[in-house]
Amino acid sequence: MMARKLGREGKVVLKLTIDENGNLLDVEVIDKAGYGFTEAAVEAVKKSTFLPAKKDGKPIASRALLPIRFQLERN
């Protein structure tokens, strides 16, 4: 809410580790942003569900970079 009042936007980059069952094992913050954006991004990712990566048709553990942009809507 504070970021919205101040008209702030931001981008957070997270590195996710996901197992072969689609479970999130780890979240590492690669690029932070202020105004609570980093915390909100980590919280949202922890509440999310994932599909595992596949190799030769079989699920495998993987790592992924996930950029999350916080952008104010323009009317």
N, C-alpha and C. Protein backbone atom coordinates (compact mmCIF):
# COMPACT_ATOMS: atom_id res chain seq x y z
N MET A 1 0.82 -1.20 0.00
CA MET A 1 0.00 0.00 0.00
C MET A 1 0.86 1.25 0.00
N MET A 2 1.98 1.21 0.75
CA MET A 2 2.85 2.38 0.80
C MET A 2 3.44 2.67 -0.57
N ALA A 3 3.88 1.63 -1.27
CA ALA A 3 4.45 1.81 -2.61
C ALA A 3 3.42 2.42 -3.56
N ARG A 4 2.18 1.97 -3.44
CA ARG A 4 1.11 2.50 -4.30
C ARG A 4 0.90 3.98 -4.02
N LYS A 5 0.86 4.35 -2.72
CA LYS A 5 0.67 5.75 -2.36
C LYS A 5 1.80 6.63 -2.88
N LEU A 6 3.02 6.07 -2.88
CA LEU A 6 4.18 6.82 -3.34
C LEU A 6 4.39 6.74 -4.85
N GLY A 7 3.55 5.93 -5.52
CA GLY A 7 3.68 5.78 -6.97
C GLY A 7 4.90 4.99 -7.38
N ARG A 8 5.34 4.08 -6.55
CA ARG A 8 6.56 3.29 -6.81
C ARG A 8 6.25 1.99 -7.54
N GLU A 9 7.19 1.59 -8.37
CA GLU A 9 7.15 0.32 -9.07
C GLU A 9 8.48 -0.37 -8.82
N GLY A 10 8.56 -1.65 -9.12
CA GLY A 10 9.82 -2.35 -8.90
C GLY A 10 9.85 -3.71 -9.56
N LYS A 11 11.02 -4.31 -9.52
CA LYS A 11 11.20 -5.64 -10.09
C LYS A 11 12.06 -6.46 -9.15
N VAL A 12 11.62 -7.69 -8.90
CA VAL A 12 12.34 -8.63 -8.05
C VAL A 12 12.68 -9.84 -8.92
N VAL A 13 13.89 -10.38 -8.77
CA VAL A 13 14.26 -11.60 -9.49
C VAL A 13 14.55 -12.67 -8.45
N LEU A 14 13.86 -13.81 -8.60
CA LEU A 14 14.03 -14.93 -7.68
C LEU A 14 14.59 -16.13 -8.42
N LYS A 15 15.39 -16.93 -7.72
CA LYS A 15 15.85 -18.20 -8.27
C LYS A 15 15.13 -19.30 -7.50
N LEU A 16 14.37 -20.11 -8.23
CA LEU A 16 13.57 -21.16 -7.63
C LEU A 16 14.22 -22.52 -7.85
N THR A 17 14.14 -23.37 -6.84
CA THR A 17 14.53 -24.77 -6.98
C THR A 17 13.27 -25.59 -6.80
N ILE A 18 12.95 -26.39 -7.83
CA ILE A 18 11.71 -27.16 -7.85
C ILE A 18 12.08 -28.63 -8.04
N ASP A 19 11.50 -29.51 -7.23
CA ASP A 19 11.84 -30.93 -7.35
C ASP A 19 11.04 -31.60 -8.46
N GLU A 20 11.27 -32.90 -8.64
CA GLU A 20 10.64 -33.65 -9.73
C GLU A 20 9.13 -33.84 -9.53
N ASN A 21 8.62 -33.50 -8.35
CA ASN A 21 7.18 -33.56 -8.09
C ASN A 21 6.51 -32.20 -8.20
N GLY A 22 7.28 -31.16 -8.51
CA GLY A 22 6.74 -29.82 -8.61
C GLY A 22 6.71 -29.06 -7.30
N ASN A 23 7.37 -29.61 -6.27
CA ASN A 23 7.43 -28.94 -4.97
C ASN A 23 8.53 -27.88 -4.97
N LEU A 24 8.22 -26.74 -4.43
CA LEU A 24 9.21 -25.67 -4.30
C LEU A 24 10.12 -26.00 -3.13
N LEU A 25 11.42 -26.17 -3.40
CA LEU A 25 12.37 -26.53 -2.36
C LEU A 25 13.09 -25.31 -1.79
N ASP A 26 13.35 -24.31 -2.65
CA ASP A 26 14.13 -23.15 -2.20
C ASP A 26 13.79 -21.94 -3.04
N VAL A 27 13.83 -20.78 -2.40
CA VAL A 27 13.66 -19.50 -3.08
C VAL A 27 14.84 -18.63 -2.68
N GLU A 28 15.61 -18.19 -3.67
CA GLU A 28 16.75 -17.31 -3.41
C GLU A 28 16.49 -15.98 -4.11
N VAL A 29 16.68 -14.89 -3.38
CA VAL A 29 16.48 -13.56 -3.95
C VAL A 29 17.76 -13.17 -4.69
N ILE A 30 17.64 -12.95 -6.00
CA ILE A 30 18.77 -12.56 -6.83
C ILE A 30 18.86 -11.04 -6.95
N ASP A 31 17.70 -10.40 -7.13
CA ASP A 31 17.65 -8.94 -7.28
C ASP A 31 16.50 -8.42 -6.42
N LYS A 32 16.82 -7.59 -5.44
CA LYS A 32 15.83 -7.06 -4.49
C LYS A 32 15.21 -5.76 -5.00
N ALA A 33 14.09 -5.42 -4.40
CA ALA A 33 13.45 -4.11 -4.61
C ALA A 33 12.90 -3.67 -3.26
N GLY A 34 12.84 -2.40 -3.05
CA GLY A 34 12.36 -1.86 -1.78
C GLY A 34 10.85 -1.84 -1.69
N TYR A 35 10.35 -1.13 -0.71
CA TYR A 35 8.92 -0.89 -0.50
C TYR A 35 8.12 -2.17 -0.27
N GLY A 36 8.76 -3.23 0.20
CA GLY A 36 8.06 -4.47 0.49
C GLY A 36 7.86 -5.37 -0.71
N PHE A 37 8.38 -4.97 -1.87
CA PHE A 37 8.22 -5.77 -3.08
C PHE A 37 8.89 -7.14 -2.95
N THR A 38 10.09 -7.18 -2.39
CA THR A 38 10.82 -8.44 -2.26
C THR A 38 10.04 -9.42 -1.40
N GLU A 39 9.57 -8.97 -0.26
CA GLU A 39 8.83 -9.83 0.64
C GLU A 39 7.53 -10.32 0.01
N ALA A 40 6.84 -9.43 -0.71
CA ALA A 40 5.59 -9.81 -1.37
C ALA A 40 5.84 -10.85 -2.46
N ALA A 41 6.93 -10.70 -3.20
CA ALA A 41 7.26 -11.66 -4.26
C ALA A 41 7.55 -13.04 -3.68
N VAL A 42 8.35 -13.09 -2.63
CA VAL A 42 8.69 -14.38 -2.00
C VAL A 42 7.43 -15.03 -1.44
N GLU A 43 6.60 -14.26 -0.78
CA GLU A 43 5.36 -14.79 -0.20
C GLU A 43 4.45 -15.37 -1.29
N ALA A 44 4.30 -14.65 -2.39
CA ALA A 44 3.44 -15.11 -3.49
C ALA A 44 3.97 -16.40 -4.10
N VAL A 45 5.28 -16.49 -4.29
CA VAL A 45 5.87 -17.69 -4.88
C VAL A 45 5.70 -18.89 -3.96
N LYS A 46 5.83 -18.68 -2.67
CA LYS A 46 5.67 -19.78 -1.71
C LYS A 46 4.23 -20.32 -1.69
N LYS A 47 3.27 -19.50 -2.08
CA LYS A 47 1.87 -19.92 -2.13
C LYS A 47 1.49 -20.53 -3.48
N SER A 48 2.40 -20.47 -4.44
CA SER A 48 2.12 -20.93 -5.80
C SER A 48 2.35 -22.43 -5.94
N THR A 49 1.81 -22.97 -7.01
CA THR A 49 2.05 -24.37 -7.35
C THR A 49 2.82 -24.43 -8.66
N PHE A 50 3.59 -25.49 -8.82
CA PHE A 50 4.46 -25.60 -9.98
C PHE A 50 4.34 -26.98 -10.62
N LEU A 51 4.59 -27.02 -11.90
CA LEU A 51 4.73 -28.27 -12.62
C LEU A 51 6.22 -28.53 -12.76
N PRO A 52 6.66 -29.77 -12.62
CA PRO A 52 8.08 -30.05 -12.75
C PRO A 52 8.54 -29.92 -14.20
N ALA A 53 9.82 -29.63 -14.37
CA ALA A 53 10.42 -29.65 -15.71
C ALA A 53 10.45 -31.10 -16.16
N LYS A 54 10.55 -31.29 -17.47
CA LYS A 54 10.63 -32.66 -17.99
C LYS A 54 11.82 -32.79 -18.93
N LYS A 55 12.42 -33.96 -18.87
CA LYS A 55 13.51 -34.31 -19.78
C LYS A 55 13.21 -35.71 -20.29
N ASP A 56 13.16 -35.85 -21.60
CA ASP A 56 12.81 -37.12 -22.23
C ASP A 56 11.47 -37.63 -21.71
N GLY A 57 10.55 -36.70 -21.45
CA GLY A 57 9.21 -37.05 -21.01
C GLY A 57 9.08 -37.39 -19.54
N LYS A 58 10.18 -37.33 -18.80
CA LYS A 58 10.14 -37.68 -17.37
C LYS A 58 10.37 -36.43 -16.53
N PRO A 59 9.63 -36.28 -15.42
CA PRO A 59 9.81 -35.12 -14.54
C PRO A 59 11.19 -35.13 -13.89
N ILE A 60 11.79 -33.94 -13.83
CA ILE A 60 13.12 -33.79 -13.22
C ILE A 60 13.13 -32.56 -12.31
N ALA A 61 14.07 -32.55 -11.38
CA ALA A 61 14.29 -31.36 -10.55
C ALA A 61 14.90 -30.27 -11.43
N SER A 62 14.63 -29.02 -11.09
CA SER A 62 15.16 -27.93 -11.91
C SER A 62 15.31 -26.65 -11.09
N ARG A 63 16.00 -25.70 -11.70
CA ARG A 63 16.12 -24.35 -11.15
C ARG A 63 15.62 -23.39 -12.22
N ALA A 64 15.02 -22.30 -11.77
CA ALA A 64 14.49 -21.32 -12.72
C ALA A 64 14.65 -19.92 -12.14
N LEU A 65 14.92 -18.97 -13.02
CA LEU A 65 14.91 -17.56 -12.64
C LEU A 65 13.53 -17.01 -12.93
N LEU A 66 12.97 -16.32 -11.96
CA LEU A 66 11.62 -15.77 -12.11
C LEU A 66 11.64 -14.28 -11.81
N PRO A 67 11.52 -13.45 -12.86
CA PRO A 67 11.40 -12.01 -12.62
C PRO A 67 9.94 -11.68 -12.31
N ILE A 68 9.73 -10.86 -11.30
CA ILE A 68 8.39 -10.42 -10.93
C ILE A 68 8.38 -8.90 -10.94
N ARG A 69 7.53 -8.34 -11.78
CA ARG A 69 7.46 -6.88 -11.92
C ARG A 69 6.22 -6.37 -11.20
N PHE A 70 6.43 -5.36 -10.37
CA PHE A 70 5.33 -4.68 -9.69
C PHE A 70 5.12 -3.36 -10.44
N GLN A 71 3.97 -3.27 -11.10
CA GLN A 71 3.72 -2.14 -11.97
C GLN A 71 2.34 -1.57 -11.66
N LEU A 72 2.28 -0.27 -11.51
CA LEU A 72 1.00 0.40 -11.26
C LEU A 72 0.18 0.41 -12.53
N GLU A 73 -1.12 0.18 -12.40
CA GLU A 73 -2.00 0.24 -13.55
C GLU A 73 -2.21 1.69 -13.96
N ARG A 74 -2.20 1.89 -15.24
CA ARG A 74 -2.42 3.23 -15.78
C ARG A 74 -3.82 3.26 -16.40
N ASN A 75 -4.61 4.27 -16.07
CA ASN A 75 -5.96 4.36 -16.61
C ASN A 75 -5.99 5.13 -17.89
